[in-house]
Amino acid sequence: MLTRRLQILVDDERYERLSRRAAAEGTSIATLVRDAIDARYPAIDSDRNAAFERIRAAERMPVPLDPADLKQEILETSKWG
């Protein structure tokens, strides 16, 4: 539920860009602005979810059994290598 009003001023060129895009997508300029805010400044939960997904993906990576091989892989894929 939307509860806050935000008023901004934009130049004619930006307004026309937004107006054309909104018409093409069959939506409102306000929806485009809200979507742009969400894309640029995601909610904290979104950041946490993305981090969690990266951790889950890393868990599926094979890990060398030999410590020397593991050390070599870390050195090759890190900023310390």
PDB file of N, CA and C in Angstrom:
ATOM      1  N   MET A   1       0.840  -1.176   0.000  1.00  0.00           N
ATOM      2  CA  MET A   1       0.000   0.000   0.000  1.00  0.00           C
ATOM      3  C   MET A   1       0.886   1.242   0.000  1.00  0.00           C
ATOM      4  N   LEU A   2       0.592   2.128  -0.892  1.00  0.00           N
ATOM      5  CA  LEU A   2       1.385   3.352  -1.003  1.00  0.00           C
ATOM      6  C   LEU A   2       0.856   4.376  -0.014  1.00  0.00           C
ATOM      7  N   THR A   3       1.749   4.919   0.813  1.00  0.00           N
ATOM      8  CA  THR A   3       1.313   5.844   1.854  1.00  0.00           C
ATOM      9  C   THR A   3       2.049   7.174   1.844  1.00  0.00           C
ATOM     10  N   ARG A   4       3.094   7.292   1.068  1.00  0.00           N
ATOM     11  CA  ARG A   4       3.882   8.536   1.046  1.00  0.00           C
ATOM     12  C   ARG A   4       3.844   9.165  -0.337  1.00  0.00           C
ATOM     13  N   ARG A   5       3.747  10.470  -0.357  1.00  0.00           N
ATOM     14  CA  ARG A   5       3.769  11.207  -1.621  1.00  0.00           C
ATOM     15  C   ARG A   5       5.177  11.797  -1.778  1.00  0.00           C
ATOM     16  N   LEU A   6       5.699  11.687  -2.990  1.00  0.00           N
ATOM     17  CA  LEU A   6       7.012  12.234  -3.310  1.00  0.00           C
ATOM     18  C   LEU A   6       6.847  13.118  -4.539  1.00  0.00           C
ATOM     19  N   GLN A   7       7.260  14.347  -4.428  1.00  0.00           N
ATOM     20  CA  GLN A   7       7.155  15.268  -5.547  1.00  0.00           C
ATOM     21  C   GLN A   7       8.555  15.633  -6.016  1.00  0.00           C
ATOM     22  N   ILE A   8       8.816  15.446  -7.317  1.00  0.00           N
ATOM     23  CA  ILE A   8      10.120  15.811  -7.873  1.00  0.00           C
ATOM     24  C   ILE A   8       9.912  16.632  -9.140  1.00  0.00           C
ATOM     25  N   LEU A   9      10.904  17.395  -9.474  1.00  0.00           N
ATOM     26  CA  LEU A   9      10.893  18.147 -10.724  1.00  0.00           C
ATOM     27  C   LEU A   9      11.907  17.520 -11.667  1.00  0.00           C
ATOM     28  N   VAL A  10      11.524  17.385 -12.935  1.00  0.00           N
ATOM     29  CA  VAL A  10      12.438  16.878 -13.954  1.00  0.00           C
ATOM     30  C   VAL A  10      12.376  17.813 -15.156  1.00  0.00           C
ATOM     31  N   ASP A  11      13.409  17.780 -15.967  1.00  0.00           N
ATOM     32  CA  ASP A  11      13.409  18.608 -17.169  1.00  0.00           C
ATOM     33  C   ASP A  11      12.526  17.962 -18.240  1.00  0.00           C
ATOM     34  N   ASP A  12      12.261  18.717 -19.303  1.00  0.00           N
ATOM     35  CA  ASP A  12      11.361  18.244 -20.356  1.00  0.00           C
ATOM     36  C   ASP A  12      11.844  16.952 -21.001  1.00  0.00           C
ATOM     37  N   GLU A  13      13.142  16.839 -21.220  1.00  0.00           N
ATOM     38  CA  GLU A  13      13.687  15.651 -21.888  1.00  0.00           C
ATOM     39  C   GLU A  13      13.450  14.395 -21.046  1.00  0.00           C
ATOM     40  N   ARG A  14      13.713  14.472 -19.762  1.00  0.00           N
ATOM     41  CA  ARG A  14      13.477  13.315 -18.884  1.00  0.00           C
ATOM     42  C   ARG A  14      11.989  12.966 -18.835  1.00  0.00           C
ATOM     43  N   TYR A  15      11.148  13.989 -18.730  1.00  0.00           N
ATOM     44  CA  TYR A  15       9.717  13.733 -18.673  1.00  0.00           C
ATOM     45  C   TYR A  15       9.245  13.031 -19.946  1.00  0.00           C
ATOM     46  N   GLU A  16       9.713  13.480 -21.088  1.00  0.00           N
ATOM     47  CA  GLU A  16       9.323  12.855 -22.353  1.00  0.00           C
ATOM     48  C   GLU A  16       9.793  11.407 -22.432  1.00  0.00           C
ATOM     49  N   ARG A  17      11.022  11.158 -21.966  1.00  0.00           N
ATOM     50  CA  ARG A  17      11.524   9.771 -21.933  1.00  0.00           C
ATOM     51  C   ARG A  17      10.627   8.897 -21.079  1.00  0.00           C
ATOM     52  N   LEU A  18      10.298   9.391 -19.885  1.00  0.00           N
ATOM     53  CA  LEU A  18       9.432   8.622 -18.995  1.00  0.00           C
ATOM     54  C   LEU A  18       8.038   8.427 -19.591  1.00  0.00           C
ATOM     55  N   SER A  19       7.508   9.472 -20.170  1.00  0.00           N
ATOM     56  CA  SER A  19       6.174   9.409 -20.750  1.00  0.00           C
ATOM     57  C   SER A  19       6.109   8.397 -21.895  1.00  0.00           C
ATOM     58  N   ARG A  20       7.110   8.427 -22.778  1.00  0.00           N
ATOM     59  CA  ARG A  20       7.149   7.465 -23.893  1.00  0.00           C
ATOM     60  C   ARG A  20       7.284   6.028 -23.381  1.00  0.00           C
ATOM     61  N   ARG A  21       8.164   5.813 -22.403  1.00  0.00           N
ATOM     62  CA  ARG A  21       8.372   4.469 -21.869  1.00  0.00           C
ATOM     63  C   ARG A  21       7.118   3.964 -21.165  1.00  0.00           C
ATOM     64  N   ALA A  22       6.478   4.824 -20.394  1.00  0.00           N
ATOM     65  CA  ALA A  22       5.259   4.421 -19.692  1.00  0.00           C
ATOM     66  C   ALA A  22       4.172   4.021 -20.690  1.00  0.00           C
ATOM     67  N   ALA A  23       4.025   4.803 -21.743  1.00  0.00           N
ATOM     68  CA  ALA A  23       3.023   4.480 -22.759  1.00  0.00           C
ATOM     69  C   ALA A  23       3.364   3.163 -23.449  1.00  0.00           C
ATOM     70  N   ALA A  24       4.626   2.957 -23.766  1.00  0.00           N
ATOM     71  CA  ALA A  24       5.045   1.725 -24.440  1.00  0.00           C
ATOM     72  C   ALA A  24       4.820   0.496 -23.562  1.00  0.00           C
ATOM     73  N   GLU A  25       5.005   0.655 -22.259  1.00  0.00           N
ATOM     74  CA  GLU A  25       4.854  -0.473 -21.334  1.00  0.00           C
ATOM     75  C   GLU A  25       3.445  -0.581 -20.766  1.00  0.00           C
ATOM     76  N   GLY A  26       2.602   0.391 -21.095  1.00  0.00           N
ATOM     77  CA  GLY A  26       1.240   0.366 -20.588  1.00  0.00           C
ATOM     78  C   GLY A  26       1.169   0.556 -19.085  1.00  0.00           C
ATOM     79  N   THR A  27       2.012   1.423 -18.571  1.00  0.00           N
ATOM     80  CA  THR A  27       2.061   1.663 -17.128  1.00  0.00           C
ATOM     81  C   THR A  27       2.121   3.161 -16.871  1.00  0.00           C
ATOM     82  N   SER A  28       2.281   3.543 -15.642  1.00  0.00           N
ATOM     83  CA  SER A  28       2.356   4.966 -15.298  1.00  0.00           C
ATOM     84  C   SER A  28       3.803   5.403 -15.092  1.00  0.00           C
ATOM     85  N   ILE A  29       3.999   6.701 -15.164  1.00  0.00           N
ATOM     86  CA  ILE A  29       5.320   7.251 -14.876  1.00  0.00           C
ATOM     87  C   ILE A  29       5.693   6.947 -13.435  1.00  0.00           C
ATOM     88  N   ALA A  30       4.732   7.032 -12.524  1.00  0.00           N
ATOM     89  CA  ALA A  30       5.000   6.745 -11.113  1.00  0.00           C
ATOM     90  C   ALA A  30       5.525   5.323 -10.930  1.00  0.00           C
ATOM     91  N   THR A  31       4.946   4.369 -11.652  1.00  0.00           N
ATOM     92  CA  THR A  31       5.413   2.981 -11.559  1.00  0.00           C
ATOM     93  C   THR A  31       6.839   2.865 -12.067  1.00  0.00           C
ATOM     94  N   LEU A  32       7.148   3.549 -13.162  1.00  0.00           N
ATOM     95  CA  LEU A  32       8.521   3.525 -13.677  1.00  0.00           C
ATOM     96  C   LEU A  32       9.502   4.078 -12.646  1.00  0.00           C
ATOM     97  N   VAL A  33       9.134   5.166 -11.991  1.00  0.00           N
ATOM     98  CA  VAL A  33      10.015   5.777 -11.000  1.00  0.00           C
ATOM     99  C   VAL A  33      10.199   4.842  -9.812  1.00  0.00           C
ATOM    100  N   ARG A  34       9.104   4.221  -9.330  1.00  0.00           N
ATOM    101  CA  ARG A  34       9.234   3.274  -8.214  1.00  0.00           C
ATOM    102  C   ARG A  34      10.125   2.099  -8.599  1.00  0.00           C
ATOM    103  N   ASP A  35       9.944   1.583  -9.813  1.00  0.00           N
ATOM    104  CA  ASP A  35      10.782   0.465 -10.271  1.00  0.00           C
ATOM    105  C   ASP A  35      12.254   0.871 -10.358  1.00  0.00           C
ATOM    106  N   ALA A  36      12.507   2.100 -10.819  1.00  0.00           N
ATOM    107  CA  ALA A  36      13.889   2.581 -10.917  1.00  0.00           C
ATOM    108  C   ALA A  36      14.515   2.708  -9.531  1.00  0.00           C
ATOM    109  N   ILE A  37      13.735   3.173  -8.563  1.00  0.00           N
ATOM    110  CA  ILE A  37      14.241   3.275  -7.184  1.00  0.00           C
ATOM    111  C   ILE A  37      14.582   1.892  -6.657  1.00  0.00           C
ATOM    112  N   ASP A  38      13.694   0.925  -6.874  1.00  0.00           N
ATOM    113  CA  ASP A  38      13.948  -0.439  -6.391  1.00  0.00           C
ATOM    114  C   ASP A  38      15.179  -1.053  -7.047  1.00  0.00           C
ATOM    115  N   ALA A  39      15.369  -0.774  -8.335  1.00  0.00           N
ATOM    116  CA  ALA A  39      16.520  -1.331  -9.044  1.00  0.00           C
ATOM    117  C   ALA A  39      17.831  -0.717  -8.538  1.00  0.00           C
ATOM    118  N   ARG A  40      17.821   0.579  -8.288  1.00  0.00           N
ATOM    119  CA  ARG A  40      19.046   1.270  -7.873  1.00  0.00           C
ATOM    120  C   ARG A  40      19.333   1.107  -6.386  1.00  0.00           C
ATOM    121  N   TYR A  41      18.270   1.065  -5.580  1.00  0.00           N
ATOM    122  CA  TYR A  41      18.407   0.966  -4.132  1.00  0.00           C
ATOM    123  C   TYR A  41      17.546  -0.185  -3.611  1.00  0.00           C
ATOM    124  N   PRO A  42      18.008  -1.425  -3.806  1.00  0.00           N
ATOM    125  CA  PRO A  42      17.194  -2.561  -3.378  1.00  0.00           C
ATOM    126  C   PRO A  42      17.036  -2.603  -1.862  1.00  0.00           C
ATOM    127  N   ALA A  43      15.948  -3.218  -1.445  1.00  0.00           N
ATOM    128  CA  ALA A  43      15.700  -3.374  -0.005  1.00  0.00           C
ATOM    129  C   ALA A  43      16.793  -4.233   0.609  1.00  0.00           C
ATOM    130  N   ILE A  44      17.036  -4.056   1.904  1.00  0.00           N
ATOM    131  CA  ILE A  44      18.073  -4.815   2.595  1.00  0.00           C
ATOM    132  C   ILE A  44      17.838  -6.307   2.443  1.00  0.00           C
ATOM    133  N   ASP A  45      16.590  -6.736   2.536  1.00  0.00           N
ATOM    134  CA  ASP A  45      16.273  -8.154   2.385  1.00  0.00           C
ATOM    135  C   ASP A  45      16.708  -8.673   1.022  1.00  0.00           C
ATOM    136  N   SER A  46      16.593  -7.839  -0.020  1.00  0.00           N
ATOM    137  CA  SER A  46      17.034  -8.256  -1.352  1.00  0.00           C
ATOM    138  C   SER A  46      18.534  -8.487  -1.370  1.00  0.00           C
ATOM    139  N   ASP A  47      19.292  -7.608  -0.712  1.00  0.00           N
ATOM    140  CA  ASP A  47      20.743  -7.770  -0.635  1.00  0.00           C
ATOM    141  C   ASP A  47      21.084  -9.061   0.099  1.00  0.00           C
ATOM    142  N   ARG A  48      20.374  -9.325   1.192  1.00  0.00           N
ATOM    143  CA  ARG A  48      20.628 -10.540   1.961  1.00  0.00           C
ATOM    144  C   ARG A  48      20.276 -11.777   1.152  1.00  0.00           C
ATOM    145  N   ASN A  49      19.176 -11.719   0.430  1.00  0.00           N
ATOM    146  CA  ASN A  49      18.790 -12.869  -0.385  1.00  0.00           C
ATOM    147  C   ASN A  49      19.815 -13.145  -1.478  1.00  0.00           C
ATOM    148  N   ALA A  50      20.327 -12.087  -2.095  1.00  0.00           N
ATOM    149  CA  ALA A  50      21.334 -12.255  -3.134  1.00  0.00           C
ATOM    150  C   ALA A  50      22.611 -12.859  -2.547  1.00  0.00           C
ATOM    151  N   ALA A  51      23.011 -12.399  -1.371  1.00  0.00           N
ATOM    152  CA  ALA A  51      24.204 -12.951  -0.717  1.00  0.00           C
ATOM    153  C   ALA A  51      23.986 -14.424  -0.376  1.00  0.00           C
ATOM    154  N   PHE A  52      22.802 -14.739   0.121  1.00  0.00           N
ATOM    155  CA  PHE A  52      22.482 -16.125   0.451  1.00  0.00           C
ATOM    156  C   PHE A  52      22.564 -17.010  -0.788  1.00  0.00           C
ATOM    157  N   GLU A  53      22.044 -16.530  -1.914  1.00  0.00           N
ATOM    158  CA  GLU A  53      22.095 -17.313  -3.152  1.00  0.00           C
ATOM    159  C   GLU A  53      23.536 -17.513  -3.615  1.00  0.00           C
ATOM    160  N   ARG A  54      24.403 -16.512  -3.426  1.00  0.00           N
ATOM    161  CA  ARG A  54      25.819 -16.682  -3.791  1.00  0.00           C
ATOM    162  C   ARG A  54      26.478 -17.738  -2.904  1.00  0.00           C
ATOM    163  N   ILE A  55      26.132 -17.735  -1.628  1.00  0.00           N
ATOM    164  CA  ILE A  55      26.688 -18.748  -0.711  1.00  0.00           C
ATOM    165  C   ILE A  55      26.204 -20.135  -1.116  1.00  0.00           C
ATOM    166  N   ARG A  56      24.928 -20.253  -1.419  1.00  0.00           N
ATOM    167  CA  ARG A  56      24.387 -21.561  -1.834  1.00  0.00           C
ATOM    168  C   ARG A  56      25.068 -22.056  -3.107  1.00  0.00           C
ATOM    169  N   ALA A  57      25.328 -21.155  -4.046  1.00  0.00           N
ATOM    170  CA  ALA A  57      26.001 -21.545  -5.279  1.00  0.00           C
ATOM    171  C   ALA A  57      27.432 -22.002  -4.988  1.00  0.00           C
ATOM    172  N   ALA A  58      28.096 -21.337  -4.055  1.00  0.00           N
ATOM    173  CA  ALA A  58      29.465 -21.710  -3.703  1.00  0.00           C
ATOM    174  C   ALA A  58      29.506 -23.085  -3.048  1.00  0.00           C
ATOM    175  N   GLU A  59      28.465 -23.448  -2.324  1.00  0.00           N
ATOM    176  CA  GLU A  59      28.433 -24.756  -1.659  1.00  0.00           C
ATOM    177  C   GLU A  59      28.430 -25.904  -2.665  1.00  0.00           C
ATOM    178  N   ARG A  60      27.989 -25.628  -3.867  1.00  0.00           N
ATOM    179  CA  ARG A  60      27.932 -26.679  -4.892  1.00  0.00           C
ATOM    180  C   ARG A  60      29.250 -26.822  -5.652  1.00  0.00           C
ATOM    181  N   MET A  61      30.215 -25.951  -5.361  1.00  0.00           N
ATOM    182  CA  MET A  61      31.495 -26.009  -6.049  1.00  0.00           C
ATOM    183  C   MET A  61      32.338 -27.142  -5.483  1.00  0.00           C
ATOM    184  N   PRO A  62      33.028 -27.881  -6.351  1.00  0.00           N
ATOM    185  CA  PRO A  62      33.897 -28.944  -5.848  1.00  0.00           C
ATOM    186  C   PRO A  62      35.103 -28.352  -5.119  1.00  0.00           C
ATOM    187  N   VAL A  63      35.502 -28.996  -4.046  1.00  0.00           N
ATOM    188  CA  VAL A  63      36.655 -28.547  -3.266  1.00  0.00           C
ATOM    189  C   VAL A  63      37.747 -29.611  -3.368  1.00  0.00           C
ATOM    190  N   PRO A  64      38.961 -29.214  -3.773  1.00  0.00           N
ATOM    191  CA  PRO A  64      40.054 -30.185  -3.867  1.00  0.00           C
ATOM    192  C   PRO A  64      40.323 -30.844  -2.507  1.00  0.00           C
ATOM    193  N   LEU A  65      40.594 -32.134  -2.541  1.00  0.00           N
ATOM    194  CA  LEU A  65      40.873 -32.863  -1.306  1.00  0.00           C
ATOM    195  C   LEU A  65      42.290 -32.634  -0.808  1.00  0.00           C
ATOM    196  N   ASP A  66      43.223 -32.448  -1.722  1.00  0.00           N
ATOM    197  CA  ASP A  66      44.620 -32.230  -1.351  1.00  0.00           C
ATOM    198  C   ASP A  66      44.807 -30.763  -0.942  1.00  0.00           C
ATOM    199  N   PRO A  67      45.295 -30.492   0.270  1.00  0.00           N
ATOM    200  CA  PRO A  67      45.482 -29.115   0.722  1.00  0.00           C
ATOM    201  C   PRO A  67      46.351 -28.276  -0.207  1.00  0.00           C
ATOM    202  N   ALA A  68      47.351 -28.892  -0.821  1.00  0.00           N
ATOM    203  CA  ALA A  68      48.215 -28.141  -1.743  1.00  0.00           C
ATOM    204  C   ALA A  68      47.412 -27.682  -2.959  1.00  0.00           C
ATOM    205  N   ASP A  69      46.527 -28.549  -3.465  1.00  0.00           N
ATOM    206  CA  ASP A  69      45.679 -28.170  -4.604  1.00  0.00           C
ATOM    207  C   ASP A  69      44.701 -27.064  -4.206  1.00  0.00           C
ATOM    208  N   LEU A  70      44.162 -27.154  -3.007  1.00  0.00           N
ATOM    209  CA  LEU A  70      43.233 -26.129  -2.522  1.00  0.00           C
ATOM    210  C   LEU A  70      43.953 -24.784  -2.406  1.00  0.00           C
ATOM    211  N   LYS A  71      45.166 -24.801  -1.845  1.00  0.00           N
ATOM    212  CA  LYS A  71      45.938 -23.567  -1.703  1.00  0.00           C
ATOM    213  C   LYS A  71      46.202 -22.951  -3.071  1.00  0.00           C
ATOM    214  N   GLN A  72      46.575 -23.779  -4.038  1.00  0.00           N
ATOM    215  CA  GLN A  72      46.857 -23.285  -5.384  1.00  0.00           C
ATOM    216  C   GLN A  72      45.602 -22.669  -6.010  1.00  0.00           C
ATOM    217  N   GLU A  73      44.461 -23.310  -5.824  1.00  0.00           N
ATOM    218  CA  GLU A  73      43.207 -22.782  -6.369  1.00  0.00           C
ATOM    219  C   GLU A  73      42.850 -21.444  -5.730  1.00  0.00           C
ATOM    220  N   ILE A  74      43.034 -21.340  -4.433  1.00  0.00           N
ATOM    221  CA  ILE A  74      42.748 -20.072  -3.741  1.00  0.00           C
ATOM    222  C   ILE A  74      43.651 -18.972  -4.255  1.00  0.00           C
ATOM    223  N   LEU A  75      44.923 -19.262  -4.418  1.00  0.00           N
ATOM    224  CA  LEU A  75      45.854 -18.262  -4.906  1.00  0.00           C
ATOM    225  C   LEU A  75      45.522 -17.833  -6.327  1.00  0.00           C
ATOM    226  N   GLU A  76      45.073 -18.756  -7.150  1.00  0.00           N
ATOM    227  CA  GLU A  76      44.744 -18.447  -8.543  1.00  0.00           C
ATOM    228  C   GLU A  76      43.471 -17.627  -8.672  1.00  0.00           C
ATOM    229  N   THR A  77      42.546 -17.776  -7.740  1.00  0.00           N
ATOM    230  CA  THR A  77      41.243 -17.113  -7.875  1.00  0.00           C
ATOM    231  C   THR A  77      41.037 -15.963  -6.915  1.00  0.00           C
ATOM    232  N   SER A  78      42.057 -15.553  -6.212  1.00  0.00           N
ATOM    233  CA  SER A  78      41.886 -14.480  -5.242  1.00  0.00           C
ATOM    234  C   SER A  78      42.791 -13.303  -5.573  1.00  0.00           C
ATOM    235  N   LYS A  79      42.570 -12.226  -4.846  1.00  0.00           N
ATOM    236  CA  LYS A  79      43.411 -11.044  -5.034  1.00  0.00           C
ATOM    237  C   LYS A  79      44.804 -11.229  -4.457  1.00  0.00           C
ATOM    238  N   TRP A  80      45.001 -12.296  -3.672  1.00  0.00           N
ATOM    239  CA  TRP A  80      46.302 -12.531  -3.065  1.00  0.00           C
ATOM    240  C   TRP A  80      47.232 -13.333  -3.969  1.00  0.00           C
ATOM    241  N   GLY A  81      46.702 -13.839  -5.074  1.00  0.00           N
ATOM    242  CA  GLY A  81      47.485 -14.711  -5.948  1.00  0.00           C
ATOM    243  C   GLY A  81      48.341 -14.033  -6.880  1.00  0.00           C
TER     244      GLY A  81
END
